[in-house]
């Protein structure tokens, strides 16, 4: 089974990181690395959370935090992708969560069907609870 790199850009979204990373710990497939890219955050709470995360080492999956000046979401995501060491890339925003079987199902679908790209539906959570297909 091939490895996955999950790229998470973050600009002042530290309050969401616990839920985002928590959803990764619950994945049924654990063959992945996480690259969190701090895109020049300025918010004190986010900087404190990032500093706290840097001190913790994940026992579940390889994890690294990269810092860069703020140049926007696509720049941060591309910066993280350049550091990736895996066969597959999963872009994940800091305020997103993945269903527990997401990585397993999408990787199996891609490999069984020789796909280069897999897109899925989106389920909103929080105040809005709709499914976007």
N, C-alpha and C. Protein backbone atom coordinates (compact mmCIF):
# COMPACT_ATOMS: atom_id res chain seq x y z
N UNK A 1 0.85 -1.18 0.00
CA UNK A 1 0.00 0.00 0.00
C UNK A 1 0.89 1.24 0.00
N UNK A 2 0.54 2.19 -0.82
CA UNK A 2 1.32 3.41 -0.94
C UNK A 2 1.02 4.36 0.22
N UNK A 3 1.97 5.23 0.48
CA UNK A 3 1.86 6.20 1.57
C UNK A 3 1.20 7.49 1.07
N UNK A 4 0.60 8.22 1.99
CA UNK A 4 -0.12 9.46 1.70
C UNK A 4 0.53 10.61 2.47
N UNK A 5 0.64 11.77 1.83
CA UNK A 5 1.04 13.00 2.50
C UNK A 5 -0.20 13.90 2.60
N UNK A 6 -0.54 14.29 3.81
CA UNK A 6 -1.67 15.18 4.05
C UNK A 6 -1.10 16.57 4.29
N UNK A 7 -1.48 17.52 3.42
CA UNK A 7 -0.96 18.87 3.47
C UNK A 7 -2.02 19.80 4.06
N UNK A 8 -1.69 20.47 5.16
CA UNK A 8 -2.65 21.34 5.85
C UNK A 8 -2.09 22.75 5.96
N UNK A 9 -2.52 23.66 5.10
CA UNK A 9 -2.14 25.07 5.27
C UNK A 9 -2.93 25.67 6.45
N UNK A 10 -2.30 26.57 7.17
CA UNK A 10 -2.97 27.21 8.30
C UNK A 10 -2.58 28.67 8.37
N UNK A 11 -3.56 29.54 8.28
CA UNK A 11 -3.36 30.97 8.52
C UNK A 11 -4.40 31.41 9.53
N UNK A 12 -3.97 31.61 10.76
CA UNK A 12 -4.84 32.07 11.85
C UNK A 12 -6.06 31.17 12.05
N UNK A 13 -5.88 29.87 11.91
CA UNK A 13 -6.98 28.91 12.11
C UNK A 13 -6.64 27.88 13.18
N UNK A 14 -5.81 28.27 14.13
CA UNK A 14 -5.37 27.35 15.16
C UNK A 14 -6.49 26.71 15.96
N UNK A 15 -7.58 27.44 16.14
CA UNK A 15 -8.70 26.91 16.93
C UNK A 15 -9.31 25.65 16.33
N UNK A 16 -9.08 25.39 15.04
CA UNK A 16 -9.66 24.23 14.38
C UNK A 16 -8.71 23.03 14.31
N UNK A 17 -7.44 23.24 14.61
CA UNK A 17 -6.45 22.19 14.39
C UNK A 17 -6.66 20.95 15.23
N UNK A 18 -7.14 21.08 16.44
CA UNK A 18 -7.35 19.92 17.29
C UNK A 18 -8.36 18.96 16.65
N UNK A 19 -9.47 19.50 16.15
CA UNK A 19 -10.48 18.66 15.48
C UNK A 19 -9.93 18.07 14.19
N UNK A 20 -9.23 18.88 13.43
CA UNK A 20 -8.66 18.43 12.16
C UNK A 20 -7.69 17.27 12.39
N UNK A 21 -6.72 17.47 13.27
CA UNK A 21 -5.73 16.43 13.54
C UNK A 21 -6.35 15.23 14.25
N UNK A 22 -7.36 15.49 15.07
CA UNK A 22 -8.08 14.40 15.74
C UNK A 22 -8.74 13.47 14.74
N UNK A 23 -9.27 14.04 13.66
CA UNK A 23 -9.91 13.19 12.64
C UNK A 23 -8.88 12.32 11.93
N UNK A 24 -7.63 12.77 11.88
CA UNK A 24 -6.58 11.97 11.26
C UNK A 24 -6.16 10.81 12.17
N UNK A 25 -6.18 11.02 13.46
CA UNK A 25 -5.84 9.95 14.39
C UNK A 25 -6.85 8.81 14.33
N UNK A 26 -8.06 9.11 13.86
CA UNK A 26 -9.13 8.10 13.79
C UNK A 26 -9.18 7.37 12.45
N UNK A 27 -8.26 7.66 11.56
CA UNK A 27 -8.29 7.02 10.24
C UNK A 27 -8.04 5.52 10.34
N UNK A 28 -8.78 4.75 9.54
CA UNK A 28 -8.59 3.30 9.52
C UNK A 28 -7.31 2.94 8.78
N UNK A 29 -6.81 3.81 7.95
CA UNK A 29 -5.51 3.64 7.29
C UNK A 29 -4.57 4.64 7.92
N UNK A 30 -3.47 4.18 8.47
CA UNK A 30 -2.55 5.06 9.20
C UNK A 30 -1.21 5.23 8.49
N UNK A 31 -1.13 4.87 7.22
CA UNK A 31 0.12 4.98 6.48
C UNK A 31 0.22 6.37 5.82
N UNK A 32 0.41 7.39 6.65
CA UNK A 32 0.47 8.75 6.12
C UNK A 32 1.37 9.63 6.98
N UNK A 33 1.75 10.75 6.37
CA UNK A 33 2.47 11.80 7.08
C UNK A 33 1.62 13.06 7.01
N UNK A 34 1.81 13.94 7.97
CA UNK A 34 1.10 15.22 8.00
C UNK A 34 2.12 16.34 7.89
N UNK A 35 1.87 17.24 6.94
CA UNK A 35 2.69 18.44 6.79
C UNK A 35 1.77 19.64 7.00
N UNK A 36 1.95 20.29 8.13
CA UNK A 36 1.16 21.47 8.49
C UNK A 36 2.00 22.70 8.13
N UNK A 37 1.44 23.57 7.30
CA UNK A 37 2.18 24.75 6.84
C UNK A 37 1.57 25.99 7.48
N UNK A 38 2.34 26.61 8.38
CA UNK A 38 1.92 27.88 8.96
C UNK A 38 2.21 28.97 7.93
N UNK A 39 1.15 29.53 7.37
CA UNK A 39 1.27 30.53 6.30
C UNK A 39 1.36 31.94 6.89
N UNK A 40 2.33 32.14 7.77
CA UNK A 40 2.56 33.47 8.33
C UNK A 40 1.47 33.93 9.28
N UNK A 41 0.94 33.02 10.08
CA UNK A 41 -0.11 33.39 11.05
C UNK A 41 0.37 34.51 11.96
N UNK A 42 -0.57 35.39 12.31
CA UNK A 42 -0.27 36.52 13.19
C UNK A 42 -1.10 36.48 14.47
N UNK A 43 -2.13 35.69 14.49
CA UNK A 43 -3.04 35.58 15.63
C UNK A 43 -2.33 34.88 16.79
N UNK A 44 -2.34 35.50 17.96
CA UNK A 44 -1.63 34.98 19.13
C UNK A 44 -2.07 33.56 19.47
N UNK A 45 -3.38 33.30 19.48
CA UNK A 45 -3.88 31.97 19.84
C UNK A 45 -3.35 30.91 18.87
N UNK A 46 -3.36 31.20 17.58
CA UNK A 46 -2.86 30.25 16.58
C UNK A 46 -1.37 29.99 16.79
N UNK A 47 -0.59 31.05 17.04
CA UNK A 47 0.84 30.89 17.25
C UNK A 47 1.13 30.05 18.50
N UNK A 48 0.34 30.22 19.55
CA UNK A 48 0.50 29.42 20.76
C UNK A 48 0.18 27.95 20.49
N UNK A 49 -0.88 27.70 19.74
CA UNK A 49 -1.28 26.33 19.41
C UNK A 49 -0.21 25.67 18.55
N UNK A 50 0.31 26.38 17.57
CA UNK A 50 1.36 25.83 16.71
C UNK A 50 2.62 25.51 17.53
N UNK A 51 2.96 26.40 18.44
CA UNK A 51 4.13 26.17 19.30
C UNK A 51 3.93 24.93 20.17
N UNK A 52 2.73 24.78 20.69
CA UNK A 52 2.39 23.62 21.50
C UNK A 52 2.47 22.33 20.67
N UNK A 53 1.98 22.38 19.44
CA UNK A 53 2.04 21.21 18.55
C UNK A 53 3.47 20.84 18.21
N UNK A 54 4.34 21.85 18.07
CA UNK A 54 5.74 21.58 17.75
C UNK A 54 6.43 20.83 18.88
N UNK A 55 6.00 21.08 20.10
CA UNK A 55 6.60 20.41 21.26
C UNK A 55 6.13 18.97 21.40
N UNK A 56 4.93 18.69 20.89
CA UNK A 56 4.38 17.34 20.98
C UNK A 56 4.84 16.55 19.76
N UNK A 57 5.16 15.31 19.96
CA UNK A 57 5.44 14.47 18.80
C UNK A 57 4.29 13.48 18.68
N UNK A 58 3.77 13.34 17.50
CA UNK A 58 2.65 12.43 17.28
C UNK A 58 3.13 10.99 17.35
N UNK A 59 2.45 10.21 18.15
CA UNK A 59 2.78 8.79 18.22
C UNK A 59 2.00 8.01 17.18
N UNK A 60 1.05 8.66 16.55
CA UNK A 60 0.20 7.97 15.58
C UNK A 60 0.75 8.07 14.16
N UNK A 61 1.24 9.24 13.77
CA UNK A 61 1.70 9.43 12.40
C UNK A 61 2.83 10.46 12.35
N UNK A 62 3.69 10.36 11.31
CA UNK A 62 4.75 11.38 11.15
C UNK A 62 4.11 12.75 10.94
N UNK A 63 4.68 13.75 11.61
CA UNK A 63 4.07 15.08 11.64
C UNK A 63 5.16 16.13 11.63
N UNK A 64 5.00 17.14 10.78
CA UNK A 64 5.94 18.26 10.80
C UNK A 64 5.20 19.57 10.56
N UNK A 65 5.74 20.64 11.13
CA UNK A 65 5.18 21.98 10.93
C UNK A 65 6.24 22.80 10.21
N UNK A 66 5.83 23.39 9.10
CA UNK A 66 6.70 24.28 8.33
C UNK A 66 6.18 25.70 8.50
N UNK A 67 7.09 26.67 8.50
CA UNK A 67 6.70 28.07 8.64
C UNK A 67 7.15 28.84 7.39
N UNK A 68 6.29 29.71 6.92
CA UNK A 68 6.63 30.56 5.78
C UNK A 68 5.91 31.88 5.92
N UNK A 69 6.34 32.88 5.13
CA UNK A 69 5.62 34.15 5.16
C UNK A 69 4.28 33.97 4.46
N UNK A 70 3.34 34.81 4.81
CA UNK A 70 2.00 34.71 4.26
C UNK A 70 1.98 35.07 2.78
N UNK A 71 1.60 34.09 1.97
CA UNK A 71 1.45 34.32 0.53
C UNK A 71 0.16 33.70 0.02
N UNK A 72 -0.71 33.27 0.91
CA UNK A 72 -2.00 32.74 0.50
C UNK A 72 -2.07 31.22 0.51
N UNK A 73 -3.30 30.73 0.44
CA UNK A 73 -3.60 29.31 0.56
C UNK A 73 -2.86 28.45 -0.47
N UNK A 74 -2.92 28.83 -1.73
CA UNK A 74 -2.29 27.98 -2.76
C UNK A 74 -0.78 27.94 -2.60
N UNK A 75 -0.17 29.05 -2.22
CA UNK A 75 1.27 29.08 -2.00
C UNK A 75 1.66 28.17 -0.83
N UNK A 76 0.88 28.23 0.25
CA UNK A 76 1.16 27.40 1.42
C UNK A 76 0.98 25.92 1.08
N UNK A 77 -0.08 25.60 0.36
CA UNK A 77 -0.32 24.20 -0.01
C UNK A 77 0.80 23.68 -0.91
N UNK A 78 1.19 24.48 -1.90
CA UNK A 78 2.27 24.06 -2.80
C UNK A 78 3.59 23.91 -2.06
N UNK A 79 3.85 24.77 -1.10
CA UNK A 79 5.06 24.67 -0.28
C UNK A 79 5.09 23.34 0.46
N UNK A 80 3.96 22.96 1.03
CA UNK A 80 3.86 21.68 1.72
C UNK A 80 4.02 20.51 0.78
N UNK A 81 3.42 20.60 -0.39
CA UNK A 81 3.51 19.52 -1.37
C UNK A 81 4.97 19.28 -1.77
N UNK A 82 5.73 20.35 -1.90
CA UNK A 82 7.15 20.21 -2.26
C UNK A 82 7.94 19.43 -1.21
N UNK A 83 7.47 19.42 0.04
CA UNK A 83 8.15 18.71 1.11
C UNK A 83 7.67 17.26 1.26
N UNK A 84 6.59 16.93 0.56
CA UNK A 84 5.97 15.61 0.70
C UNK A 84 6.90 14.49 0.25
N UNK A 85 6.81 13.37 0.93
CA UNK A 85 7.64 12.21 0.60
C UNK A 85 6.80 11.02 0.14
N UNK A 86 5.54 11.24 -0.12
CA UNK A 86 4.62 10.14 -0.40
C UNK A 86 4.20 10.06 -1.86
N UNK A 87 3.50 8.97 -2.16
CA UNK A 87 3.00 8.74 -3.51
C UNK A 87 1.71 9.52 -3.78
N UNK A 88 0.94 9.79 -2.74
CA UNK A 88 -0.35 10.46 -2.87
C UNK A 88 -0.38 11.72 -2.01
N UNK A 89 -1.11 12.73 -2.48
CA UNK A 89 -1.28 13.99 -1.76
C UNK A 89 -2.77 14.15 -1.42
N UNK A 90 -3.04 14.48 -0.18
CA UNK A 90 -4.40 14.84 0.24
C UNK A 90 -4.34 16.26 0.76
N UNK A 91 -4.96 17.21 0.03
CA UNK A 91 -5.03 18.59 0.54
C UNK A 91 -6.17 18.68 1.57
N UNK A 92 -5.87 19.23 2.72
CA UNK A 92 -6.86 19.33 3.78
C UNK A 92 -6.74 20.70 4.42
N UNK A 93 -7.83 21.44 4.49
CA UNK A 93 -7.80 22.75 5.13
C UNK A 93 -7.82 22.58 6.65
N UNK A 94 -7.29 23.55 7.35
CA UNK A 94 -7.16 23.48 8.80
C UNK A 94 -8.51 23.37 9.51
N UNK A 95 -9.57 23.84 8.87
CA UNK A 95 -10.90 23.77 9.49
C UNK A 95 -11.73 22.60 8.95
N UNK A 96 -11.07 21.61 8.37
CA UNK A 96 -11.75 20.42 7.84
C UNK A 96 -11.47 19.21 8.71
N UNK A 97 -12.35 18.22 8.59
CA UNK A 97 -12.17 16.93 9.24
C UNK A 97 -12.44 15.86 8.20
N UNK A 98 -11.81 14.70 8.36
CA UNK A 98 -12.04 13.58 7.46
C UNK A 98 -12.82 12.49 8.18
N UNK A 99 -13.76 11.85 7.46
CA UNK A 99 -14.46 10.68 8.00
C UNK A 99 -13.42 9.58 8.24
N UNK A 100 -13.65 8.71 9.23
CA UNK A 100 -12.64 7.72 9.61
C UNK A 100 -12.13 6.82 8.48
N UNK A 101 -12.92 6.51 7.49
CA UNK A 101 -12.47 5.62 6.41
C UNK A 101 -12.07 6.38 5.14
N UNK A 102 -11.99 7.69 5.22
CA UNK A 102 -11.71 8.49 4.03
C UNK A 102 -10.43 8.06 3.31
N UNK A 103 -9.33 8.02 4.02
CA UNK A 103 -8.05 7.69 3.38
C UNK A 103 -8.05 6.28 2.82
N UNK A 104 -8.55 5.34 3.58
CA UNK A 104 -8.60 3.95 3.13
C UNK A 104 -9.44 3.80 1.87
N UNK A 105 -10.64 4.36 1.89
CA UNK A 105 -11.54 4.21 0.74
C UNK A 105 -11.03 4.92 -0.51
N UNK A 106 -10.54 6.14 -0.35
CA UNK A 106 -10.09 6.87 -1.55
C UNK A 106 -8.82 6.27 -2.14
N UNK A 107 -7.90 5.82 -1.29
CA UNK A 107 -6.68 5.21 -1.80
C UNK A 107 -7.00 3.89 -2.50
N UNK A 108 -7.86 3.07 -1.90
CA UNK A 108 -8.25 1.82 -2.54
C UNK A 108 -8.93 2.07 -3.87
N UNK A 109 -9.83 3.03 -3.92
CA UNK A 109 -10.53 3.36 -5.17
C UNK A 109 -9.53 3.80 -6.24
N UNK A 110 -8.60 4.65 -5.86
CA UNK A 110 -7.61 5.14 -6.83
C UNK A 110 -6.73 4.01 -7.35
N UNK A 111 -6.24 3.17 -6.46
CA UNK A 111 -5.32 2.12 -6.88
C UNK A 111 -6.02 1.00 -7.64
N UNK A 112 -7.23 0.63 -7.22
CA UNK A 112 -7.96 -0.44 -7.90
C UNK A 112 -8.39 -0.05 -9.30
N UNK A 113 -8.55 1.25 -9.54
CA UNK A 113 -9.04 1.73 -10.84
C UNK A 113 -7.99 2.52 -11.61
N UNK A 114 -6.75 2.47 -11.16
CA UNK A 114 -5.64 3.19 -11.80
C UNK A 114 -5.96 4.67 -12.02
N UNK A 115 -6.50 5.29 -11.00
CA UNK A 115 -6.87 6.71 -11.06
C UNK A 115 -5.71 7.58 -10.60
N UNK A 116 -5.64 8.77 -11.14
CA UNK A 116 -4.64 9.75 -10.71
C UNK A 116 -5.21 10.74 -9.71
N UNK A 117 -6.55 10.82 -9.64
CA UNK A 117 -7.20 11.84 -8.84
C UNK A 117 -8.54 11.31 -8.34
N UNK A 118 -8.87 11.56 -7.10
CA UNK A 118 -10.16 11.16 -6.54
C UNK A 118 -10.76 12.37 -5.86
N UNK A 119 -12.03 12.66 -6.15
CA UNK A 119 -12.77 13.73 -5.47
C UNK A 119 -13.99 13.12 -4.81
N UNK A 120 -14.38 13.65 -3.68
CA UNK A 120 -15.51 13.11 -2.93
C UNK A 120 -16.52 14.20 -2.64
N UNK A 121 -17.66 13.78 -2.11
CA UNK A 121 -18.64 14.76 -1.68
C UNK A 121 -18.17 15.41 -0.38
N UNK A 122 -18.78 16.51 -0.02
CA UNK A 122 -18.43 17.25 1.18
C UNK A 122 -19.63 17.28 2.10
N UNK A 123 -19.41 16.99 3.36
CA UNK A 123 -20.46 17.11 4.35
C UNK A 123 -20.09 18.24 5.30
N UNK A 124 -20.94 19.25 5.38
CA UNK A 124 -20.69 20.36 6.30
C UNK A 124 -21.02 19.92 7.71
N UNK A 125 -20.34 20.50 8.68
CA UNK A 125 -20.61 20.24 10.09
C UNK A 125 -20.62 21.57 10.81
N UNK A 126 -21.07 21.58 12.02
CA UNK A 126 -21.17 22.84 12.76
C UNK A 126 -22.55 23.44 12.56
N UNK A 127 -22.61 24.73 12.24
CA UNK A 127 -23.90 25.39 12.08
C UNK A 127 -24.65 24.90 10.84
N UNK A 128 -23.92 24.56 9.82
CA UNK A 128 -24.49 24.10 8.55
C UNK A 128 -24.25 22.60 8.45
N UNK A 129 -25.29 21.82 8.20
CA UNK A 129 -25.15 20.36 8.18
C UNK A 129 -25.67 19.79 6.86
N UNK A 130 -25.20 20.28 5.76
CA UNK A 130 -25.64 19.81 4.46
C UNK A 130 -24.55 18.97 3.79
N UNK A 131 -24.95 18.25 2.75
CA UNK A 131 -24.00 17.47 1.95
C UNK A 131 -23.92 18.10 0.58
N UNK A 132 -22.71 18.38 0.14
CA UNK A 132 -22.47 18.96 -1.18
C UNK A 132 -21.87 17.86 -2.05
N UNK A 133 -22.62 17.50 -3.10
CA UNK A 133 -22.15 16.41 -3.97
C UNK A 133 -21.45 16.96 -5.19
